[in-house]
Amino acid sequence: MPLVHISMFKGRTMEQRREMVKEVTDSLVKTLQCDKEAVRIVIREVERDDVSVGGVLYSDLD
C-alpha cells in the first residue's frame, strides 16, 4: 500500500487539492501497478513561517 505524505503551504483551493490527489494517485497506480484503492495520501498544510530556505523563513521572503 503506497502511503504518500505531502506538505504544502496553506491556501490551495479544494479543487486544487482534489486534482492533486487524483494526479498523484494516477501516477502511483501507473508506476507501481497497484490498485487506486490501495493508495493513501496525507496532506499537511503548513504556514509560511514554518518553512525556511537558506536560513530565512519563507514568511520573510515576501
PDB file of N, CA and C in Angstrom:
ATOM      1  N   MET A   1       0.844  -1.171   0.000  1.00  0.00           N
ATOM      2  CA  MET A   1       0.000   0.000   0.000  1.00  0.00           C
ATOM      3  C   MET A   1       0.895   1.242   0.000  1.00  0.00           C
ATOM      4  N   PRO A   2       0.878   2.014  -1.066  1.00  0.00           N
ATOM      5  CA  PRO A   2       1.640   3.262  -1.078  1.00  0.00           C
ATOM      6  C   PRO A   2       1.030   4.272  -0.114  1.00  0.00           C
ATOM      7  N   LEU A   3       1.887   4.891   0.685  1.00  0.00           N
ATOM      8  CA  LEU A   3       1.468   5.932   1.609  1.00  0.00           C
ATOM      9  C   LEU A   3       2.323   7.164   1.336  1.00  0.00           C
ATOM     10  N   VAL A   4       1.702   8.224   0.861  1.00  0.00           N
ATOM     11  CA  VAL A   4       2.403   9.439   0.453  1.00  0.00           C
ATOM     12  C   VAL A   4       2.041  10.565   1.408  1.00  0.00           C
ATOM     13  N   HIS A   5       3.054  11.262   1.901  1.00  0.00           N
ATOM     14  CA  HIS A   5       2.845  12.437   2.732  1.00  0.00           C
ATOM     15  C   HIS A   5       3.242  13.662   1.919  1.00  0.00           C
ATOM     16  N   ILE A   6       2.344  14.622   1.825  1.00  0.00           N
ATOM     17  CA  ILE A   6       2.598  15.842   1.063  1.00  0.00           C
ATOM     18  C   ILE A   6       2.433  17.026   1.999  1.00  0.00           C
ATOM     19  N   SER A   7       3.484  17.823   2.113  1.00  0.00           N
ATOM     20  CA  SER A   7       3.412  19.062   2.878  1.00  0.00           C
ATOM     21  C   SER A   7       3.405  20.214   1.890  1.00  0.00           C
ATOM     22  N   MET A   8       2.512  21.175   2.138  1.00  0.00           N
ATOM     23  CA  MET A   8       2.431  22.329   1.254  1.00  0.00           C
ATOM     24  C   MET A   8       1.914  23.522   2.037  1.00  0.00           C
ATOM     25  N   PHE A   9       2.200  24.704   1.513  1.00  0.00           N
ATOM     26  CA  PHE A   9       1.721  25.911   2.162  1.00  0.00           C
ATOM     27  C   PHE A   9       0.197  25.957   2.121  1.00  0.00           C
ATOM     28  N   LYS A  10      -0.387  26.540   3.145  1.00  0.00           N
ATOM     29  CA  LYS A  10      -1.837  26.744   3.180  1.00  0.00           C
ATOM     30  C   LYS A  10      -2.248  27.670   2.050  1.00  0.00           C
ATOM     31  N   GLY A  11      -3.496  27.536   1.634  1.00  0.00           N
ATOM     32  CA  GLY A  11      -4.016  28.476   0.657  1.00  0.00           C
ATOM     33  C   GLY A  11      -4.506  27.855  -0.637  1.00  0.00           C
ATOM     34  N   ARG A  12      -4.291  26.550  -0.823  1.00  0.00           N
ATOM     35  CA  ARG A  12      -4.783  25.904  -2.034  1.00  0.00           C
ATOM     36  C   ARG A  12      -6.289  25.720  -1.931  1.00  0.00           C
ATOM     37  N   THR A  13      -6.961  25.784  -3.066  1.00  0.00           N
ATOM     38  CA  THR A  13      -8.409  25.572  -3.073  1.00  0.00           C
ATOM     39  C   THR A  13      -8.709  24.087  -2.968  1.00  0.00           C
ATOM     40  N   MET A  14      -9.944  23.782  -2.619  1.00  0.00           N
ATOM     41  CA  MET A  14     -10.364  22.383  -2.544  1.00  0.00           C
ATOM     42  C   MET A  14     -10.249  21.731  -3.918  1.00  0.00           C
ATOM     43  N   GLU A  15     -10.564  22.467  -4.969  1.00  0.00           N
ATOM     44  CA  GLU A  15     -10.446  21.918  -6.330  1.00  0.00           C
ATOM     45  C   GLU A  15      -8.991  21.576  -6.647  1.00  0.00           C
ATOM     46  N   GLN A  16      -8.053  22.427  -6.261  1.00  0.00           N
ATOM     47  CA  GLN A  16      -6.633  22.138  -6.480  1.00  0.00           C
ATOM     48  C   GLN A  16      -6.213  20.894  -5.712  1.00  0.00           C
ATOM     49  N   ARG A  17      -6.684  20.758  -4.494  1.00  0.00           N
ATOM     50  CA  ARG A  17      -6.345  19.580  -3.687  1.00  0.00           C
ATOM     51  C   ARG A  17      -6.918  18.313  -4.316  1.00  0.00           C
ATOM     52  N   ARG A  18      -8.162  18.378  -4.774  1.00  0.00           N
ATOM     53  CA  ARG A  18      -8.781  17.212  -5.429  1.00  0.00           C
ATOM     54  C   ARG A  18      -7.995  16.797  -6.668  1.00  0.00           C
ATOM     55  N   GLU A  19      -7.633  17.783  -7.479  1.00  0.00           N
ATOM     56  CA  GLU A  19      -6.887  17.480  -8.704  1.00  0.00           C
ATOM     57  C   GLU A  19      -5.510  16.905  -8.388  1.00  0.00           C
ATOM     58  N   MET A  20      -4.847  17.450  -7.379  1.00  0.00           N
ATOM     59  CA  MET A  20      -3.522  16.975  -6.994  1.00  0.00           C
ATOM     60  C   MET A  20      -3.564  15.523  -6.529  1.00  0.00           C
ATOM     61  N   VAL A  21      -4.520  15.175  -5.643  1.00  0.00           N
ATOM     62  CA  VAL A  21      -4.558  13.792  -5.162  1.00  0.00           C
ATOM     63  C   VAL A  21      -4.941  12.819  -6.272  1.00  0.00           C
ATOM     64  N   LYS A  22      -5.770  13.270  -7.209  1.00  0.00           N
ATOM     65  CA  LYS A  22      -6.104  12.411  -8.349  1.00  0.00           C
ATOM     66  C   LYS A  22      -4.870  12.153  -9.200  1.00  0.00           C
ATOM     67  N   GLU A  23      -4.117  13.209  -9.514  1.00  0.00           N
ATOM     68  CA  GLU A  23      -2.927  13.062 -10.357  1.00  0.00           C
ATOM     69  C   GLU A  23      -1.849  12.219  -9.678  1.00  0.00           C
ATOM     70  N   VAL A  24      -1.626  12.439  -8.394  1.00  0.00           N
ATOM     71  CA  VAL A  24      -0.638  11.641  -7.663  1.00  0.00           C
ATOM     72  C   VAL A  24      -1.074  10.186  -7.621  1.00  0.00           C
ATOM     73  N   THR A  25      -2.335   9.944  -7.339  1.00  0.00           N
ATOM     74  CA  THR A  25      -2.856   8.577  -7.310  1.00  0.00           C
ATOM     75  C   THR A  25      -2.687   7.906  -8.667  1.00  0.00           C
ATOM     76  N   ASP A  26      -3.083   8.590  -9.737  1.00  0.00           N
ATOM     77  CA  ASP A  26      -2.950   8.027 -11.081  1.00  0.00           C
ATOM     78  C   ASP A  26      -1.501   7.679 -11.402  1.00  0.00           C
ATOM     79  N   SER A  27      -0.583   8.541 -11.003  1.00  0.00           N
ATOM     80  CA  SER A  27       0.838   8.286 -11.259  1.00  0.00           C
ATOM     81  C   SER A  27       1.337   7.061 -10.497  1.00  0.00           C
ATOM     82  N   LEU A  28       0.927   6.927  -9.237  1.00  0.00           N
ATOM     83  CA  LEU A  28       1.340   5.764  -8.455  1.00  0.00           C
ATOM     84  C   LEU A  28       0.748   4.476  -9.002  1.00  0.00           C
ATOM     85  N   VAL A  29      -0.500   4.517  -9.415  1.00  0.00           N
ATOM     86  CA  VAL A  29      -1.146   3.337  -9.996  1.00  0.00           C
ATOM     87  C   VAL A  29      -0.380   2.903 -11.241  1.00  0.00           C
ATOM     88  N   LYS A  30       0.007   3.864 -12.060  1.00  0.00           N
ATOM     89  CA  LYS A  30       0.723   3.548 -13.300  1.00  0.00           C
ATOM     90  C   LYS A  30       2.127   3.014 -13.025  1.00  0.00           C
ATOM     91  N   THR A  31       2.880   3.692 -12.167  1.00  0.00           N
ATOM     92  CA  THR A  31       4.281   3.300 -11.969  1.00  0.00           C
ATOM     93  C   THR A  31       4.452   2.111 -11.039  1.00  0.00           C
ATOM     94  N   LEU A  32       3.584   1.979 -10.034  1.00  0.00           N
ATOM     95  CA  LEU A  32       3.711   0.881  -9.080  1.00  0.00           C
ATOM     96  C   LEU A  32       2.793  -0.295  -9.397  1.00  0.00           C
ATOM     97  N   GLN A  33       1.934  -0.113 -10.384  1.00  0.00           N
ATOM     98  CA  GLN A  33       0.984  -1.144 -10.793  1.00  0.00           C
ATOM     99  C   GLN A  33       0.170  -1.658  -9.596  1.00  0.00           C
ATOM    100  N   CYS A  34      -0.439  -0.698  -8.913  1.00  0.00           N
ATOM    101  CA  CYS A  34      -1.275  -1.054  -7.768  1.00  0.00           C
ATOM    102  C   CYS A  34      -2.693  -0.545  -8.016  1.00  0.00           C
ATOM    103  N   ASP A  35      -3.614  -1.002  -7.207  1.00  0.00           N
ATOM    104  CA  ASP A  35      -4.992  -0.518  -7.295  1.00  0.00           C
ATOM    105  C   ASP A  35      -5.076   0.874  -6.690  1.00  0.00           C
ATOM    106  N   LYS A  36      -5.909   1.725  -7.276  1.00  0.00           N
ATOM    107  CA  LYS A  36      -6.028   3.089  -6.741  1.00  0.00           C
ATOM    108  C   LYS A  36      -6.595   3.087  -5.329  1.00  0.00           C
ATOM    109  N   GLU A  37      -7.373   2.079  -4.989  1.00  0.00           N
ATOM    110  CA  GLU A  37      -7.924   1.984  -3.645  1.00  0.00           C
ATOM    111  C   GLU A  37      -6.854   1.716  -2.596  1.00  0.00           C
ATOM    112  N   ALA A  38      -5.681   1.269  -3.041  1.00  0.00           N
ATOM    113  CA  ALA A  38      -4.589   0.993  -2.113  1.00  0.00           C
ATOM    114  C   ALA A  38      -3.768   2.234  -1.784  1.00  0.00           C
ATOM    115  N   VAL A  39      -3.928   3.284  -2.559  1.00  0.00           N
ATOM    116  CA  VAL A  39      -3.120   4.496  -2.400  1.00  0.00           C
ATOM    117  C   VAL A  39      -3.683   5.357  -1.271  1.00  0.00           C
ATOM    118  N   ARG A  40      -2.804   5.755  -0.362  1.00  0.00           N
ATOM    119  CA  ARG A  40      -3.168   6.653   0.725  1.00  0.00           C
ATOM    120  C   ARG A  40      -2.327   7.910   0.589  1.00  0.00           C
ATOM    121  N   ILE A  41      -2.962   9.074   0.729  1.00  0.00           N
ATOM    122  CA  ILE A  41      -2.256  10.351   0.658  1.00  0.00           C
ATOM    123  C   ILE A  41      -2.630  11.165   1.886  1.00  0.00           C
ATOM    124  N   VAL A  42      -1.619  11.672   2.567  1.00  0.00           N
ATOM    125  CA  VAL A  42      -1.815  12.530   3.722  1.00  0.00           C
ATOM    126  C   VAL A  42      -1.329  13.927   3.341  1.00  0.00           C
ATOM    127  N   ILE A  43      -2.215  14.909   3.451  1.00  0.00           N
ATOM    128  CA  ILE A  43      -1.856  16.286   3.135  1.00  0.00           C
ATOM    129  C   ILE A  43      -1.664  17.048   4.441  1.00  0.00           C
ATOM    130  N   ARG A  44      -0.530  17.699   4.540  1.00  0.00           N
ATOM    131  CA  ARG A  44      -0.243  18.520   5.720  1.00  0.00           C
ATOM    132  C   ARG A  44      -0.020  19.943   5.242  1.00  0.00           C
ATOM    133  N   GLU A  45      -0.849  20.837   5.700  1.00  0.00           N
ATOM    134  CA  GLU A  45      -0.688  22.239   5.333  1.00  0.00           C
ATOM    135  C   GLU A  45       0.147  22.943   6.399  1.00  0.00           C
ATOM    136  N   VAL A  46       1.097  23.741   5.939  1.00  0.00           N
ATOM    137  CA  VAL A  46       1.975  24.465   6.848  1.00  0.00           C
ATOM    138  C   VAL A  46       1.882  25.960   6.571  1.00  0.00           C
ATOM    139  N   GLU A  47       2.192  26.727   7.576  1.00  0.00           N
ATOM    140  CA  GLU A  47       2.263  28.178   7.429  1.00  0.00           C
ATOM    141  C   GLU A  47       3.608  28.549   6.803  1.00  0.00           C
ATOM    142  N   ARG A  48       3.665  29.733   6.212  1.00  0.00           N
ATOM    143  CA  ARG A  48       4.905  30.187   5.575  1.00  0.00           C
ATOM    144  C   ARG A  48       6.021  30.411   6.595  1.00  0.00           C
ATOM    145  N   ASP A  49       5.665  30.612   7.850  1.00  0.00           N
ATOM    146  CA  ASP A  49       6.709  30.781   8.864  1.00  0.00           C
ATOM    147  C   ASP A  49       7.112  29.455   9.510  1.00  0.00           C
ATOM    148  N   ASP A  50       6.632  28.334   8.967  1.00  0.00           N
ATOM    149  CA  ASP A  50       7.045  27.007   9.425  1.00  0.00           C
ATOM    150  C   ASP A  50       8.136  26.404   8.545  1.00  0.00           C
ATOM    151  N   VAL A  51       8.516  27.103   7.467  1.00  0.00           N
ATOM    152  CA  VAL A  51       9.480  26.568   6.499  1.00  0.00           C
ATOM    153  C   VAL A  51      10.543  27.631   6.233  1.00  0.00           C
ATOM    154  N   SER A  52      11.779  27.190   6.099  1.00  0.00           N
ATOM    155  CA  SER A  52      12.844  28.129   5.766  1.00  0.00           C
ATOM    156  C   SER A  52      13.672  27.603   4.606  1.00  0.00           C
ATOM    157  N   VAL A  53      14.352  28.516   3.963  1.00  0.00           N
ATOM    158  CA  VAL A  53      15.308  28.170   2.911  1.00  0.00           C
ATOM    159  C   VAL A  53      16.521  29.075   3.107  1.00  0.00           C
ATOM    160  N   GLY A  54      17.692  28.469   3.130  1.00  0.00           N
ATOM    161  CA  GLY A  54      18.912  29.248   3.317  1.00  0.00           C
ATOM    162  C   GLY A  54      18.942  30.034   4.607  1.00  0.00           C
ATOM    163  N   GLY A  55      18.302  29.516   5.646  1.00  0.00           N
ATOM    164  CA  GLY A  55      18.305  30.180   6.941  1.00  0.00           C
ATOM    165  C   GLY A  55      17.324  31.333   7.059  1.00  0.00           C
ATOM    166  N   VAL A  56      16.439  31.485   6.077  1.00  0.00           N
ATOM    167  CA  VAL A  56      15.458  32.567   6.088  1.00  0.00           C
ATOM    168  C   VAL A  56      14.064  31.963   6.012  1.00  0.00           C
ATOM    169  N   LEU A  57      13.162  32.409   6.882  1.00  0.00           N
ATOM    170  CA  LEU A  57      11.789  31.930   6.832  1.00  0.00           C
ATOM    171  C   LEU A  57      11.118  32.389   5.547  1.00  0.00           C
ATOM    172  N   TYR A  58      10.278  31.525   4.986  1.00  0.00           N
ATOM    173  CA  TYR A  58       9.536  31.892   3.789  1.00  0.00           C
ATOM    174  C   TYR A  58       8.686  33.140   4.020  1.00  0.00           C
ATOM    175  N   SER A  59       8.167  33.277   5.234  1.00  0.00           N
ATOM    176  CA  SER A  59       7.348  34.447   5.541  1.00  0.00           C
ATOM    177  C   SER A  59       8.164  35.740   5.462  1.00  0.00           C
ATOM    178  N   ASP A  60       9.473  35.657   5.604  1.00  0.00           N
ATOM    179  CA  ASP A  60      10.330  36.840   5.490  1.00  0.00           C
ATOM    180  C   ASP A  60      10.770  37.093   4.052  1.00  0.00           C
ATOM    181  N   LEU A  61      10.518  36.180   3.147  1.00  0.00           N
ATOM    182  CA  LEU A  61      10.924  36.339   1.755  1.00  0.00           C
ATOM    183  C   LEU A  61       9.935  37.171   0.957  1.00  0.00           C
ATOM    184  N   ASP A  62       8.724  37.337   1.458  1.00  0.00           N
ATOM    185  CA  ASP A  62       7.699  38.097   0.727  1.00  0.00           C
ATOM    186  C   ASP A  62       7.983  39.576   0.722  1.00  0.00           C
TER     187      ASP A  62
END
